[in-house]
């Protein structure tokens, strides 16, 4: 099943949705493959999403200890004006409470 993740700035929450369900969270850890999806023809925002296909990859409001098992490599940036992301796909993401989205790499222990 395809999951779409985007920021709801009006409520300062991350929204995770499928065709049948929707839930929100302060932060989300995506430990699995992801890609971006753009819909520039949409009349309303959001026009850009992060998508994944595995619910088991989504950790809602992860603890600090779980997030610390990853290294922050860079930020995933969405250009709202040009409807574009700086990176198209990857392996792990952290959607932080402050609205920042980090591209992650799992630390080897």
PDB file of N, CA and C in Angstrom:
ATOM      1  N   UNK A   1       0.838  -1.176   0.000  1.00  0.00           N
ATOM      2  CA  UNK A   1       0.000   0.000   0.000  1.00  0.00           C
ATOM      3  C   UNK A   1       0.886   1.244   0.000  1.00  0.00           C
ATOM      4  N   UNK A   2       0.510   2.233  -0.758  1.00  0.00           N
ATOM      5  CA  UNK A   2       1.305   3.452  -0.871  1.00  0.00           C
ATOM      6  C   UNK A   2       0.926   4.444   0.225  1.00  0.00           C
ATOM      7  N   UNK A   3       1.942   4.965   0.904  1.00  0.00           N
ATOM      8  CA  UNK A   3       1.758   5.977   1.934  1.00  0.00           C
ATOM      9  C   UNK A   3       2.340   7.291   1.437  1.00  0.00           C
ATOM     10  N   UNK A   4       1.601   8.384   1.637  1.00  0.00           N
ATOM     11  CA  UNK A   4       2.080   9.721   1.287  1.00  0.00           C
ATOM     12  C   UNK A   4       2.299  10.499   2.577  1.00  0.00           C
ATOM     13  N   UNK A   5       3.440  11.162   2.661  1.00  0.00           N
ATOM     14  CA  UNK A   5       3.773  11.946   3.851  1.00  0.00           C
ATOM     15  C   UNK A   5       4.026  13.377   3.415  1.00  0.00           C
ATOM     16  N   UNK A   6       3.397  14.330   4.128  1.00  0.00           N
ATOM     17  CA  UNK A   6       3.638  15.744   3.851  1.00  0.00           C
ATOM     18  C   UNK A   6       3.445  16.549   5.134  1.00  0.00           C
ATOM     19  N   UNK A   7       3.888  17.784   5.103  1.00  0.00           N
ATOM     20  CA  UNK A   7       3.800  18.678   6.256  1.00  0.00           C
ATOM     21  C   UNK A   7       2.511  19.473   6.195  1.00  0.00           C
ATOM     22  N   UNK A   8       1.763  19.474   7.280  1.00  0.00           N
ATOM     23  CA  UNK A   8       0.576  20.315   7.414  1.00  0.00           C
ATOM     24  C   UNK A   8       1.006  21.515   8.259  1.00  0.00           C
ATOM     25  N   UNK A   9       1.425  22.597   7.599  1.00  0.00           N
ATOM     26  CA  UNK A   9       1.976  23.750   8.316  1.00  0.00           C
ATOM     27  C   UNK A   9       0.950  24.470   9.182  1.00  0.00           C
ATOM     28  N   UNK A  10      -0.314  24.417   8.808  1.00  0.00           N
ATOM     29  CA  UNK A  10      -1.335  25.104   9.593  1.00  0.00           C
ATOM     30  C   UNK A  10      -1.446  24.513  11.001  1.00  0.00           C
ATOM     31  N   UNK A  11      -1.226  23.201  11.116  1.00  0.00           N
ATOM     32  CA  UNK A  11      -1.290  22.546  12.426  1.00  0.00           C
ATOM     33  C   UNK A  11       0.078  22.156  12.960  1.00  0.00           C
ATOM     34  N   UNK A  12       1.127  22.421  12.178  1.00  0.00           N
ATOM     35  CA  UNK A  12       2.499  22.092  12.555  1.00  0.00           C
ATOM     36  C   UNK A  12       2.652  20.598  12.882  1.00  0.00           C
ATOM     37  N   UNK A  13       2.099  19.763  11.988  1.00  0.00           N
ATOM     38  CA  UNK A  13       2.163  18.314  12.129  1.00  0.00           C
ATOM     39  C   UNK A  13       2.513  17.685  10.794  1.00  0.00           C
ATOM     40  N   UNK A  14       2.994  16.445  10.847  1.00  0.00           N
ATOM     41  CA  UNK A  14       3.227  15.658   9.643  1.00  0.00           C
ATOM     42  C   UNK A  14       1.990  14.814   9.402  1.00  0.00           C
ATOM     43  N   UNK A  15       1.552  14.740   8.181  1.00  0.00           N
ATOM     44  CA  UNK A  15       0.381  13.963   7.804  1.00  0.00           C
ATOM     45  C   UNK A  15       0.828  12.738   7.010  1.00  0.00           C
ATOM     46  N   UNK A  16       0.335  11.572   7.418  1.00  0.00           N
ATOM     47  CA  UNK A  16       0.627  10.318   6.724  1.00  0.00           C
ATOM     48  C   UNK A  16      -0.717   9.776   6.248  1.00  0.00           C
ATOM     49  N   UNK A  17      -0.825   9.525   4.938  1.00  0.00           N
ATOM     50  CA  UNK A  17      -2.119   9.076   4.434  1.00  0.00           C
ATOM     51  C   UNK A  17      -1.997   8.021   3.345  1.00  0.00           C
ATOM     52  N   UNK A  18      -3.048   7.216   3.261  1.00  0.00           N
ATOM     53  CA  UNK A  18      -3.235   6.257   2.178  1.00  0.00           C
ATOM     54  C   UNK A  18      -4.570   6.613   1.539  1.00  0.00           C
ATOM     55  N   UNK A  19      -5.030   5.791   0.644  1.00  0.00           N
ATOM     56  CA  UNK A  19      -6.340   6.041   0.034  1.00  0.00           C
ATOM     57  C   UNK A  19      -7.459   5.885   1.059  1.00  0.00           C
ATOM     58  N   UNK A  20      -7.220   5.109   2.127  1.00  0.00           N
ATOM     59  CA  UNK A  20      -8.286   4.804   3.080  1.00  0.00           C
ATOM     60  C   UNK A  20      -8.129   5.448   4.449  1.00  0.00           C
ATOM     61  N   UNK A  21      -6.907   5.744   4.856  1.00  0.00           N
ATOM     62  CA  UNK A  21      -6.688   6.269   6.202  1.00  0.00           C
ATOM     63  C   UNK A  21      -5.767   7.483   6.181  1.00  0.00           C
ATOM     64  N   UNK A  22      -5.825   8.234   7.289  1.00  0.00           N
ATOM     65  CA  UNK A  22      -4.949   9.390   7.461  1.00  0.00           C
ATOM     66  C   UNK A  22      -4.697   9.557   8.954  1.00  0.00           C
ATOM     67  N   UNK A  23      -3.441   9.840   9.316  1.00  0.00           N
ATOM     68  CA  UNK A  23      -3.128  10.175  10.695  1.00  0.00           C
ATOM     69  C   UNK A  23      -2.033  11.222  10.710  1.00  0.00           C
ATOM     70  N   UNK A  24      -1.897  11.893  11.840  1.00  0.00           N
ATOM     71  CA  UNK A  24      -0.888  12.942  11.972  1.00  0.00           C
ATOM     72  C   UNK A  24       0.057  12.596  13.115  1.00  0.00           C
ATOM     73  N   UNK A  25       1.245  13.206  13.070  1.00  0.00           N
ATOM     74  CA  UNK A  25       2.249  12.976  14.103  1.00  0.00           C
ATOM     75  C   UNK A  25       3.153  14.195  14.204  1.00  0.00           C
ATOM     76  N   UNK A  26       3.741  14.385  15.366  1.00  0.00           N
ATOM     77  CA  UNK A  26       4.704  15.478  15.557  1.00  0.00           C
ATOM     78  C   UNK A  26       5.997  15.188  14.808  1.00  0.00           C
ATOM     79  N   UNK A  27       6.411  13.922  14.814  1.00  0.00           N
ATOM     80  CA  UNK A  27       7.611  13.509  14.084  1.00  0.00           C
ATOM     81  C   UNK A  27       7.400  12.098  13.541  1.00  0.00           C
ATOM     82  N   UNK A  28       8.132  11.801  12.466  1.00  0.00           N
ATOM     83  CA  UNK A  28       8.012  10.494  11.816  1.00  0.00           C
ATOM     84  C   UNK A  28       9.400  10.049  11.372  1.00  0.00           C
ATOM     85  N   UNK A  29       9.733   8.793  11.649  1.00  0.00           N
ATOM     86  CA  UNK A  29      10.965   8.189  11.152  1.00  0.00           C
ATOM     87  C   UNK A  29      10.574   7.181  10.083  1.00  0.00           C
ATOM     88  N   UNK A  30      11.139   7.339   8.919  1.00  0.00           N
ATOM     89  CA  UNK A  30      10.883   6.425   7.806  1.00  0.00           C
ATOM     90  C   UNK A  30      12.153   5.612   7.585  1.00  0.00           C
ATOM     91  N   UNK A  31      12.131   4.358   8.042  1.00  0.00           N
ATOM     92  CA  UNK A  31      13.295   3.475   7.944  1.00  0.00           C
ATOM     93  C   UNK A  31      13.058   2.475   6.817  1.00  0.00           C
ATOM     94  N   UNK A  32      13.168   2.956   5.598  1.00  0.00           N
ATOM     95  CA  UNK A  32      12.936   2.135   4.421  1.00  0.00           C
ATOM     96  C   UNK A  32      13.024   2.990   3.179  1.00  0.00           C
ATOM     97  N   UNK A  33      12.856   2.368   2.034  1.00  0.00           N
ATOM     98  CA  UNK A  33      12.999   3.122   0.781  1.00  0.00           C
ATOM     99  C   UNK A  33      11.849   4.110   0.610  1.00  0.00           C
ATOM    100  N   UNK A  34      12.165   5.240   0.031  1.00  0.00           N
ATOM    101  CA  UNK A  34      11.187   6.295  -0.215  1.00  0.00           C
ATOM    102  C   UNK A  34      11.489   6.972  -1.541  1.00  0.00           C
ATOM    103  N   UNK A  35      10.505   7.674  -2.042  1.00  0.00           N
ATOM    104  CA  UNK A  35      10.693   8.497  -3.239  1.00  0.00           C
ATOM    105  C   UNK A  35       9.787   9.713  -3.119  1.00  0.00           C
ATOM    106  N   UNK A  36      10.029  10.689  -3.960  1.00  0.00           N
ATOM    107  CA  UNK A  36       9.189  11.884  -3.951  1.00  0.00           C
ATOM    108  C   UNK A  36       8.182  11.792  -5.084  1.00  0.00           C
ATOM    109  N   UNK A  37       7.062  12.448  -4.881  1.00  0.00           N
ATOM    110  CA  UNK A  37       6.012  12.482  -5.889  1.00  0.00           C
ATOM    111  C   UNK A  37       5.538  13.925  -6.015  1.00  0.00           C
ATOM    112  N   UNK A  38       5.459  14.402  -7.237  1.00  0.00           N
ATOM    113  CA  UNK A  38       5.043  15.778  -7.497  1.00  0.00           C
ATOM    114  C   UNK A  38       3.734  15.793  -8.271  1.00  0.00           C
ATOM    115  N   UNK A  39       2.867  16.716  -7.892  1.00  0.00           N
ATOM    116  CA  UNK A  39       1.596  16.908  -8.593  1.00  0.00           C
ATOM    117  C   UNK A  39       1.416  18.404  -8.833  1.00  0.00           C
ATOM    118  N   UNK A  40       2.206  18.995  -9.742  1.00  0.00           N
ATOM    119  CA  UNK A  40       2.151  20.441  -9.966  1.00  0.00           C
ATOM    120  C   UNK A  40       0.811  20.927 -10.513  1.00  0.00           C
ATOM    121  N   UNK A  41       0.029  20.018 -11.100  1.00  0.00           N
ATOM    122  CA  UNK A  41      -1.253  20.414 -11.676  1.00  0.00           C
ATOM    123  C   UNK A  41      -2.350  20.578 -10.619  1.00  0.00           C
ATOM    124  N   UNK A  42      -2.103  20.136  -9.392  1.00  0.00           N
ATOM    125  CA  UNK A  42      -3.102  20.276  -8.324  1.00  0.00           C
ATOM    126  C   UNK A  42      -3.380  21.741  -8.047  1.00  0.00           C
ATOM    127  N   UNK A  43      -4.627  22.041  -7.764  1.00  0.00           N
ATOM    128  CA  UNK A  43      -5.031  23.419  -7.498  1.00  0.00           C
ATOM    129  C   UNK A  43      -4.562  23.879  -6.111  1.00  0.00           C
ATOM    130  N   UNK A  44      -4.583  22.963  -5.147  1.00  0.00           N
ATOM    131  CA  UNK A  44      -4.239  23.306  -3.768  1.00  0.00           C
ATOM    132  C   UNK A  44      -2.999  22.549  -3.304  1.00  0.00           C
ATOM    133  N   UNK A  45      -2.392  23.047  -2.235  1.00  0.00           N
ATOM    134  CA  UNK A  45      -1.252  22.379  -1.619  1.00  0.00           C
ATOM    135  C   UNK A  45      -1.753  21.231  -0.759  1.00  0.00           C
ATOM    136  N   UNK A  46      -0.961  20.221  -0.509  1.00  0.00           N
ATOM    137  CA  UNK A  46       0.410  20.059  -0.962  1.00  0.00           C
ATOM    138  C   UNK A  46       0.478  19.514  -2.389  1.00  0.00           C
ATOM    139  N   UNK A  47       1.505  19.920  -3.073  1.00  0.00           N
ATOM    140  CA  UNK A  47       1.746  19.448  -4.433  1.00  0.00           C
ATOM    141  C   UNK A  47       2.934  18.495  -4.483  1.00  0.00           C
ATOM    142  N   UNK A  48       3.662  18.397  -3.374  1.00  0.00           N
ATOM    143  CA  UNK A  48       4.810  17.497  -3.282  1.00  0.00           C
ATOM    144  C   UNK A  48       4.698  16.606  -2.054  1.00  0.00           C
ATOM    145  N   UNK A  49       4.995  15.321  -2.226  1.00  0.00           N
ATOM    146  CA  UNK A  49       4.885  14.328  -1.163  1.00  0.00           C
ATOM    147  C   UNK A  49       6.122  13.446  -1.137  1.00  0.00           C
ATOM    148  N   UNK A  50       6.338  12.820   0.009  1.00  0.00           N
ATOM    149  CA  UNK A  50       7.273  11.699   0.099  1.00  0.00           C
ATOM    150  C   UNK A  50       6.399  10.460   0.133  1.00  0.00           C
ATOM    151  N   UNK A  51       6.744   9.450  -0.651  1.00  0.00           N
ATOM    152  CA  UNK A  51       5.948   8.221  -0.673  1.00  0.00           C
ATOM    153  C   UNK A  51       6.799   7.016  -0.287  1.00  0.00           C
ATOM    154  N   UNK A  52       6.123   6.034   0.316  1.00  0.00           N
ATOM    155  CA  UNK A  52       6.734   4.753   0.656  1.00  0.00           C
ATOM    156  C   UNK A  52       5.659   3.684   0.533  1.00  0.00           C
ATOM    157  N   UNK A  53       6.066   2.435   0.494  1.00  0.00           N
ATOM    158  CA  UNK A  53       5.087   1.361   0.316  1.00  0.00           C
ATOM    159  C   UNK A  53       4.974   0.421   1.508  1.00  0.00           C
ATOM    160  N   UNK A  54       5.701   0.683   2.576  1.00  0.00           N
ATOM    161  CA  UNK A  54       5.651  -0.240   3.706  1.00  0.00           C
ATOM    162  C   UNK A  54       5.298   0.428   5.010  1.00  0.00           C
ATOM    163  N   UNK A  55       4.144   0.074   5.598  1.00  0.00           N
ATOM    164  CA  UNK A  55       3.755   0.633   6.888  1.00  0.00           C
ATOM    165  C   UNK A  55       4.762   0.256   7.969  1.00  0.00           C
ATOM    166  N   UNK A  56       5.374  -0.930   7.845  1.00  0.00           N
ATOM    167  CA  UNK A  56       6.353  -1.366   8.841  1.00  0.00           C
ATOM    168  C   UNK A  56       7.579  -0.452   8.863  1.00  0.00           C
ATOM    169  N   UNK A  57       7.771   0.344   7.808  1.00  0.00           N
ATOM    170  CA  UNK A  57       8.911   1.263   7.738  1.00  0.00           C
ATOM    171  C   UNK A  57       8.651   2.584   8.450  1.00  0.00           C
ATOM    172  N   UNK A  58       7.399   2.856   8.833  1.00  0.00           N
ATOM    173  CA  UNK A  58       7.014   4.141   9.418  1.00  0.00           C
ATOM    174  C   UNK A  58       6.961   4.023  10.934  1.00  0.00           C
ATOM    175  N   UNK A  59       7.750   4.859  11.621  1.00  0.00           N
ATOM    176  CA  UNK A  59       7.747   4.907  13.086  1.00  0.00           C
ATOM    177  C   UNK A  59       7.235   6.284  13.485  1.00  0.00           C
ATOM    178  N   UNK A  60       6.080   6.312  14.145  1.00  0.00           N
ATOM    179  CA  UNK A  60       5.431   7.564  14.529  1.00  0.00           C
ATOM    180  C   UNK A  60       5.990   8.042  15.863  1.00  0.00           C
ATOM    181  N   UNK A  61       6.329   9.328  15.945  1.00  0.00           N
ATOM    182  CA  UNK A  61       6.876   9.945  17.153  1.00  0.00           C
ATOM    183  C   UNK A  61       7.966   9.074  17.793  1.00  0.00           C
ATOM    184  N   UNK A  62       9.044   8.793  17.041  1.00  0.00           N
ATOM    185  CA  UNK A  62      10.099   7.912  17.560  1.00  0.00           C
ATOM    186  C   UNK A  62      10.834   8.537  18.747  1.00  0.00           C
ATOM    187  N   UNK A  63      11.343   7.685  19.610  1.00  0.00           N
ATOM    188  CA  UNK A  63      12.116   8.171  20.755  1.00  0.00           C
ATOM    189  C   UNK A  63      13.465   8.709  20.272  1.00  0.00           C
ATOM    190  N   UNK A  64      14.087   9.499  21.117  1.00  0.00           N
ATOM    191  CA  UNK A  64      15.401  10.066  20.804  1.00  0.00           C
ATOM    192  C   UNK A  64      16.424   8.952  20.576  1.00  0.00           C
ATOM    193  N   UNK A  65      16.313   7.879  21.350  1.00  0.00           N
ATOM    194  CA  UNK A  65      17.240   6.756  21.242  1.00  0.00           C
ATOM    195  C   UNK A  65      17.151   6.082  19.870  1.00  0.00           C
ATOM    196  N   UNK A  66      15.954   5.979  19.331  1.00  0.00           N
ATOM    197  CA  UNK A  66      15.770   5.366  18.010  1.00  0.00           C
ATOM    198  C   UNK A  66      16.383   6.253  16.933  1.00  0.00           C
ATOM    199  N   UNK A  67      16.139   7.553  17.016  1.00  0.00           N
ATOM    200  CA  UNK A  67      16.667   8.504  16.023  1.00  0.00           C
ATOM    201  C   UNK A  67      18.189   8.549  16.073  1.00  0.00           C
ATOM    202  N   UNK A  68      18.777   8.377  17.258  1.00  0.00           N
ATOM    203  CA  UNK A  68      20.233   8.427  17.410  1.00  0.00           C
ATOM    204  C   UNK A  68      20.945   7.240  16.764  1.00  0.00           C
ATOM    205  N   UNK A  69      20.207   6.248  16.292  1.00  0.00           N
ATOM    206  CA  UNK A  69      20.801   5.111  15.580  1.00  0.00           C
ATOM    207  C   UNK A  69      21.076   5.449  14.117  1.00  0.00           C
ATOM    208  N   UNK A  70      20.802   6.707  13.754  1.00  0.00           N
ATOM    209  CA  UNK A  70      20.995   7.177  12.386  1.00  0.00           C
ATOM    210  C   UNK A  70      21.880   8.414  12.371  1.00  0.00           C
ATOM    211  N   UNK A  71      22.563   8.611  11.258  1.00  0.00           N
ATOM    212  CA  UNK A  71      23.367   9.812  11.035  1.00  0.00           C
ATOM    213  C   UNK A  71      22.606  10.707  10.065  1.00  0.00           C
ATOM    214  N   UNK A  72      22.512  11.998  10.411  1.00  0.00           N
ATOM    215  CA  UNK A  72      21.862  12.960   9.517  1.00  0.00           C
ATOM    216  C   UNK A  72      22.856  13.360   8.436  1.00  0.00           C
ATOM    217  N   UNK A  73      22.536  13.044   7.181  1.00  0.00           N
ATOM    218  CA  UNK A  73      23.434  13.335   6.060  1.00  0.00           C
ATOM    219  C   UNK A  73      23.164  14.698   5.439  1.00  0.00           C
ATOM    220  N   UNK A  74      21.899  15.024   5.254  1.00  0.00           N
ATOM    221  CA  UNK A  74      21.514  16.274   4.591  1.00  0.00           C
ATOM    222  C   UNK A  74      20.035  16.511   4.850  1.00  0.00           C
ATOM    223  N   UNK A  75      19.545  17.643   4.371  1.00  0.00           N
ATOM    224  CA  UNK A  75      18.124  17.954   4.478  1.00  0.00           C
ATOM    225  C   UNK A  75      17.434  17.661   3.150  1.00  0.00           C
ATOM    226  N   UNK A  76      16.232  17.133   3.243  1.00  0.00           N
ATOM    227  CA  UNK A  76      15.375  17.007   2.073  1.00  0.00           C
ATOM    228  C   UNK A  76      14.599  18.314   1.998  1.00  0.00           C
ATOM    229  N   UNK A  77      14.781  19.043   0.913  1.00  0.00           N
ATOM    230  CA  UNK A  77      14.183  20.373   0.785  1.00  0.00           C
ATOM    231  C   UNK A  77      13.159  20.379  -0.338  1.00  0.00           C
ATOM    232  N   UNK A  78      11.978  20.909  -0.020  1.00  0.00           N
ATOM    233  CA  UNK A  78      10.905  21.044  -1.001  1.00  0.00           C
ATOM    234  C   UNK A  78      10.815  22.505  -1.425  1.00  0.00           C
ATOM    235  N   UNK A  79      10.936  22.754  -2.711  1.00  0.00           N
ATOM    236  CA  UNK A  79      10.806  24.096  -3.279  1.00  0.00           C
ATOM    237  C   UNK A  79       9.343  24.287  -3.669  1.00  0.00           C
ATOM    238  N   UNK A  80       8.607  24.963  -2.806  1.00  0.00           N
ATOM    239  CA  UNK A  80       7.170  25.140  -3.006  1.00  0.00           C
ATOM    240  C   UNK A  80       6.854  25.952  -4.259  1.00  0.00           C
ATOM    241  N   UNK A  81       7.688  26.943  -4.540  1.00  0.00           N
ATOM    242  CA  UNK A  81       7.453  27.813  -5.700  1.00  0.00           C
ATOM    243  C   UNK A  81       7.603  27.043  -7.019  1.00  0.00           C
ATOM    244  N   UNK A  82       8.672  26.265  -7.135  1.00  0.00           N
ATOM    245  CA  UNK A  82       8.944  25.519  -8.365  1.00  0.00           C
ATOM    246  C   UNK A  82       8.440  24.074  -8.326  1.00  0.00           C
ATOM    247  N   UNK A  83       7.805  23.687  -7.220  1.00  0.00           N
ATOM    248  CA  UNK A  83       7.269  22.337  -7.011  1.00  0.00           C
ATOM    249  C   UNK A  83       8.333  21.287  -7.363  1.00  0.00           C
ATOM    250  N   UNK A  84       9.365  21.232  -6.487  1.00  0.00           N
ATOM    251  CA  UNK A  84      10.487  20.333  -6.733  1.00  0.00           C
ATOM    252  C   UNK A  84      11.185  19.976  -5.415  1.00  0.00           C
ATOM    253  N   UNK A  85      11.758  18.777  -5.357  1.00  0.00           N
ATOM    254  CA  UNK A  85      12.575  18.347  -4.225  1.00  0.00           C
ATOM    255  C   UNK A  85      14.038  18.329  -4.648  1.00  0.00           C
ATOM    256  N   UNK A  86      14.959  18.536  -3.682  1.00  0.00           N
ATOM    257  CA  UNK A  86      16.386  18.501  -4.001  1.00  0.00           C
ATOM    258  C   UNK A  86      16.914  17.075  -4.178  1.00  0.00           C
ATOM    259  N   UNK A  87      16.212  16.068  -3.642  1.00  0.00           N
ATOM    260  CA  UNK A  87      16.588  14.660  -3.788  1.00  0.00           C
ATOM    261  C   UNK A  87      15.320  13.887  -4.161  1.00  0.00           C
ATOM    262  N   UNK A  88      15.431  12.936  -5.062  1.00  0.00           N
ATOM    263  CA  UNK A  88      14.253  12.218  -5.579  1.00  0.00           C
ATOM    264  C   UNK A  88      13.927  10.924  -4.833  1.00  0.00           C
ATOM    265  N   UNK A  89      14.943  10.246  -4.280  1.00  0.00           N
ATOM    266  CA  UNK A  89      14.690   8.978  -3.590  1.00  0.00           C
ATOM    267  C   UNK A  89      15.825   8.657  -2.638  1.00  0.00           C
ATOM    268  N   UNK A  90      15.564   7.703  -1.733  1.00  0.00           N
ATOM    269  CA  UNK A  90      16.597   7.325  -0.786  1.00  0.00           C
ATOM    270  C   UNK A  90      16.140   6.196   0.119  1.00  0.00           C
ATOM    271  N   UNK A  91      16.858   6.017   1.232  1.00  0.00           N
ATOM    272  CA  UNK A  91      16.600   4.897   2.129  1.00  0.00           C
ATOM    273  C   UNK A  91      15.929   5.264   3.447  1.00  0.00           C
ATOM    274  N   UNK A  92      16.345   6.314   4.133  1.00  0.00           N
ATOM    275  CA  UNK A  92      15.757   6.650   5.431  1.00  0.00           C
ATOM    276  C   UNK A  92      15.581   8.156   5.553  1.00  0.00           C
ATOM    277  N   UNK A  93      14.484   8.552   6.216  1.00  0.00           N
ATOM    278  CA  UNK A  93      14.187   9.971   6.440  1.00  0.00           C
ATOM    279  C   UNK A  93      13.687  10.171   7.861  1.00  0.00           C
ATOM    280  N   UNK A  94      13.961  11.360   8.409  1.00  0.00           N
ATOM    281  CA  UNK A  94      13.386  11.753   9.691  1.00  0.00           C
ATOM    282  C   UNK A  94      12.652  13.065   9.492  1.00  0.00           C
ATOM    283  N   UNK A  95      11.354  13.039   9.746  1.00  0.00           N
ATOM    284  CA  UNK A  95      10.512  14.229   9.669  1.00  0.00           C
ATOM    285  C   UNK A  95      10.439  14.793  11.085  1.00  0.00           C
ATOM    286  N   UNK A  96      11.188  15.862  11.350  1.00  0.00           N
ATOM    287  CA  UNK A  96      11.332  16.403  12.702  1.00  0.00           C
ATOM    288  C   UNK A  96      10.152  17.290  13.094  1.00  0.00           C
ATOM    289  N   UNK A  97      10.008  17.502  14.409  1.00  0.00           N
ATOM    290  CA  UNK A  97       8.919  18.327  14.942  1.00  0.00           C
ATOM    291  C   UNK A  97       8.953  19.755  14.426  1.00  0.00           C
ATOM    292  N   UNK A  98      10.145  20.277  14.153  1.00  0.00           N
ATOM    293  CA  UNK A  98      10.258  21.669  13.702  1.00  0.00           C
ATOM    294  C   UNK A  98       9.948  21.844  12.213  1.00  0.00           C
ATOM    295  N   UNK A  99       9.581  20.756  11.524  1.00  0.00           N
ATOM    296  CA  UNK A  99       9.238  20.844  10.108  1.00  0.00           C
ATOM    297  C   UNK A  99      10.374  20.499   9.166  1.00  0.00           C
ATOM    298  N   UNK A 100      11.552  20.237   9.707  1.00  0.00           N
ATOM    299  CA  UNK A 100      12.703  19.871   8.883  1.00  0.00           C
ATOM    300  C   UNK A 100      12.651  18.381   8.559  1.00  0.00           C
ATOM    301  N   UNK A 101      13.099  18.035   7.375  1.00  0.00           N
ATOM    302  CA  UNK A 101      13.150  16.636   6.956  1.00  0.00           C
ATOM    303  C   UNK A 101      14.607  16.283   6.663  1.00  0.00           C
ATOM    304  N   UNK A 102      15.132  15.291   7.374  1.00  0.00           N
ATOM    305  CA  UNK A 102      16.534  14.910   7.248  1.00  0.00           C
ATOM    306  C   UNK A 102      16.687  13.585   6.505  1.00  0.00           C
ATOM    307  N   UNK A 103      17.648  13.544   5.595  1.00  0.00           N
ATOM    308  CA  UNK A 103      18.041  12.304   4.932  1.00  0.00           C
ATOM    309  C   UNK A 103      19.008  11.595   5.877  1.00  0.00           C
ATOM    310  N   UNK A 104      18.745  10.329   6.158  1.00  0.00           N
ATOM    311  CA  UNK A 104      19.506   9.599   7.164  1.00  0.00           C
ATOM    312  C   UNK A 104      20.280   8.424   6.584  1.00  0.00           C
ATOM    313  N   UNK A 105      21.274   8.016   7.377  1.00  0.00           N
ATOM    314  CA  UNK A 105      22.024   6.789   7.093  1.00  0.00           C
ATOM    315  C   UNK A 105      22.092   6.022   8.406  1.00  0.00           C
ATOM    316  N   UNK A 106      21.743   4.739   8.365  1.00  0.00           N
ATOM    317  CA  UNK A 106      21.766   3.920   9.573  1.00  0.00           C
ATOM    318  C   UNK A 106      23.205   3.698  10.011  1.00  0.00           C
ATOM    319  N   UNK A 107      23.473   3.923  11.306  1.00  0.00           N
ATOM    320  CA  UNK A 107      24.807   3.700  11.864  1.00  0.00           C
ATOM    321  C   UNK A 107      25.026   2.211  12.081  1.00  0.00           C
ATOM    322  N   UNK A 108      26.222   1.746  11.796  1.00  0.00           N
ATOM    323  CA  UNK A 108      26.568   0.341  12.021  1.00  0.00           C
ATOM    324  C   UNK A 108      27.083   0.176  13.437  1.00  0.00           C
ATOM    325  N   UNK A 109      26.529  -0.772  14.164  1.00  0.00           N
ATOM    326  CA  UNK A 109      26.969  -1.042  15.540  1.00  0.00           C
ATOM    327  C   UNK A 109      27.469  -2.444  15.666  1.00  0.00           C
TER     328      UNK A 109
END
